[in-house]
Amino acid sequence: MTVDVRDFSKACFSAARATGRQVLEVVEATQPTPNFHLALLEHRDVTVAVLANREVPLLAIAPPPAAGQAGPLSFLDVVDLAAALSQIEPFKVLSVAELSRPLSQITSGELPPHDPYDIRYWQPATFGDVVFNYWD
């Protein structure tokens, strides 16, 4: 399965309406890196990023990545936004606790499609590092 940026965009606009936010931008991942689509949502002058893995319908909320960022992301729990996004099929919003799970505690069946070489080469520490990354 591949996550269509149009479906992701619709989900973000719907969640934004439900939570009083405004969608500032939706960016489709068209290159090998990053491995996620991104939407910037603003509420009361606070902007957050909603990330969607390109291969599986997993979402996360994070601080907006800095221009040129290519390292591990940090994640946020934004309860109302996560609840609104969770109502939209087929998406699943991952919490900070889920994203922070050490990779050593994750079975290969829990991981989205990936190249085992990338895991050995990049040595991600957490589930979130595998699901949302800037690997080439």
Protein backbone atom coordinates (compact mmCIF):
# COMPACT_ATOMS: atom_id res chain seq x y z
CA MET A 1 0.00 0.00 0.00
CA THR A 2 1.17 3.51 -0.73
CA VAL A 3 -0.24 6.55 1.06
CA ASP A 4 -1.68 8.97 -1.48
CA VAL A 5 -0.83 12.56 -0.60
CA ARG A 6 -4.37 13.59 -1.60
CA ASP A 7 -5.87 11.28 1.03
CA PHE A 8 -3.38 12.58 3.59
CA SER A 9 -4.21 16.17 2.64
CA LYS A 10 -7.97 15.54 2.98
CA ALA A 11 -7.39 13.98 6.41
CA CYS A 12 -5.35 16.99 7.54
CA PHE A 13 -7.95 19.50 6.31
CA SER A 14 -10.72 17.54 8.04
CA ALA A 15 -8.78 17.32 11.32
CA ALA A 16 -7.88 21.01 11.07
CA ARG A 17 -11.55 21.97 10.73
CA ALA A 18 -12.49 19.74 13.67
CA THR A 19 -9.83 21.27 15.94
CA GLY A 20 -9.89 24.93 14.88
CA ARG A 21 -6.57 24.74 13.07
CA GLN A 22 -5.51 26.02 9.68
CA VAL A 23 -3.54 23.98 7.16
CA LEU A 24 -0.61 26.12 6.05
CA GLU A 25 1.00 23.69 3.64
CA VAL A 26 1.01 20.07 2.52
CA VAL A 27 4.28 18.75 1.09
CA GLU A 28 4.37 15.55 -0.91
CA ALA A 29 7.48 13.40 -0.55
CA THR A 30 8.52 12.84 -4.16
CA GLN A 31 12.19 12.04 -3.63
CA PRO A 32 13.67 9.02 -1.83
CA THR A 33 14.16 11.18 1.24
CA PRO A 34 12.30 11.94 3.44
CA ASN A 35 10.10 8.87 3.56
CA PHE A 36 7.06 10.87 4.68
CA HIS A 37 4.57 13.46 3.48
CA LEU A 38 4.24 16.50 5.72
CA ALA A 39 1.47 18.96 6.54
CA LEU A 40 1.91 22.10 8.60
CA LEU A 41 -1.07 23.03 10.77
CA GLU A 42 -1.38 26.21 12.82
CA HIS A 43 -3.49 27.00 15.86
CA ARG A 44 -3.10 30.20 17.89
CA ASP A 45 0.30 30.95 16.35
CA VAL A 46 1.60 27.46 17.19
CA THR A 47 2.55 25.35 14.19
CA VAL A 48 2.90 21.58 14.25
CA ALA A 49 3.78 19.12 11.53
CA VAL A 50 1.70 16.06 10.77
CA LEU A 51 3.80 13.36 9.14
CA ALA A 52 2.49 10.47 7.03
CA ASN A 53 4.73 7.54 6.17
CA ARG A 54 4.62 7.08 2.37
CA GLU A 55 4.21 3.29 2.47
CA VAL A 56 1.77 2.65 5.33
CA PRO A 57 -0.96 4.88 6.82
CA LEU A 58 0.94 5.74 10.00
CA LEU A 59 0.90 9.34 11.20
CA ALA A 60 2.87 11.29 13.78
CA ILE A 61 2.81 14.83 15.08
CA ALA A 62 6.11 16.66 15.41
CA PRO A 63 7.59 20.13 15.68
CA PRO A 64 8.03 21.51 12.15
CA PRO A 65 11.37 20.28 10.78
CA ALA A 66 13.96 22.99 10.29
CA ALA A 67 14.94 23.84 6.73
CA GLY A 68 17.57 21.36 5.61
CA GLN A 69 16.96 19.04 8.57
CA ALA A 70 18.09 15.51 7.86
CA GLY A 71 18.43 13.95 11.28
CA PRO A 72 16.15 12.15 13.69
CA LEU A 73 12.85 13.85 14.45
CA SER A 74 11.28 14.59 17.79
CA PHE A 75 7.57 13.92 18.24
CA LEU A 76 4.65 15.49 20.09
CA ASP A 77 1.40 14.28 21.59
CA VAL A 78 -1.29 16.80 20.60
CA VAL A 79 -4.36 15.14 22.04
CA ASP A 80 -7.17 16.90 20.17
CA LEU A 81 -5.40 16.75 16.81
CA ALA A 82 -4.44 13.09 17.27
CA ALA A 83 -8.04 12.25 18.21
CA ALA A 84 -9.40 14.00 15.11
CA LEU A 85 -6.89 12.31 12.80
CA SER A 86 -7.56 8.91 14.39
CA GLN A 87 -11.19 9.14 13.26
CA ILE A 88 -10.12 9.13 9.60
CA GLU A 89 -9.62 5.76 7.94
CA PRO A 90 -7.15 4.22 7.22
CA PHE A 91 -4.81 6.40 9.27
CA LYS A 92 -3.35 5.52 12.67
CA VAL A 93 -1.72 8.22 14.76
CA LEU A 94 1.29 7.01 16.72
CA SER A 95 1.89 8.45 20.19
CA VAL A 96 5.24 9.64 21.49
CA ALA A 97 5.39 6.49 23.64
CA GLU A 98 4.91 4.24 20.59
CA LEU A 99 7.41 6.20 18.50
CA SER A 100 9.98 6.18 21.31
CA ARG A 101 9.99 2.40 21.75
CA PRO A 102 13.55 1.12 21.40
CA LEU A 103 14.07 -0.71 18.15
CA SER A 104 15.34 -3.68 20.17
CA GLN A 105 11.76 -4.14 21.45
CA ILE A 106 10.16 -4.09 17.99
CA THR A 107 9.55 -7.20 15.89
CA SER A 108 10.21 -7.02 12.16
CA GLY A 109 6.48 -7.57 11.56
CA GLU A 110 5.71 -4.27 13.32
CA LEU A 111 7.95 -2.27 11.00
CA PRO A 112 6.76 -0.66 7.80
CA PRO A 113 8.37 -1.93 4.58
CA HIS A 114 12.10 -1.25 4.77
CA ASP A 115 15.44 -2.47 3.52
CA PRO A 116 17.23 -4.45 6.26
CA TYR A 117 20.47 -2.91 4.98
CA ASP A 118 19.16 0.53 6.00
CA ILE A 119 18.61 -0.66 9.57
CA ARG A 120 22.17 -1.99 9.74
CA TYR A 121 23.66 1.09 8.06
CA TRP A 122 21.69 3.90 9.75
CA GLN A 123 21.33 2.12 13.12
CA PRO A 124 18.07 3.76 14.19
CA ALA A 125 17.43 3.75 17.91
CA THR A 126 13.63 3.87 17.98
CA PHE A 127 10.53 2.76 16.12
CA GLY A 128 9.93 6.41 15.17
CA ASP A 129 13.39 6.63 13.61
CA VAL A 130 12.42 3.82 11.22
CA VAL A 131 8.88 4.97 10.42
CA PHE A 132 9.84 8.64 9.77
CA ASN A 133 13.32 9.21 8.43
CA TYR A 134 15.61 11.02 5.99
CA TRP A 135 17.55 7.95 4.83
CA ASP A 136 18.58 7.87 1.20
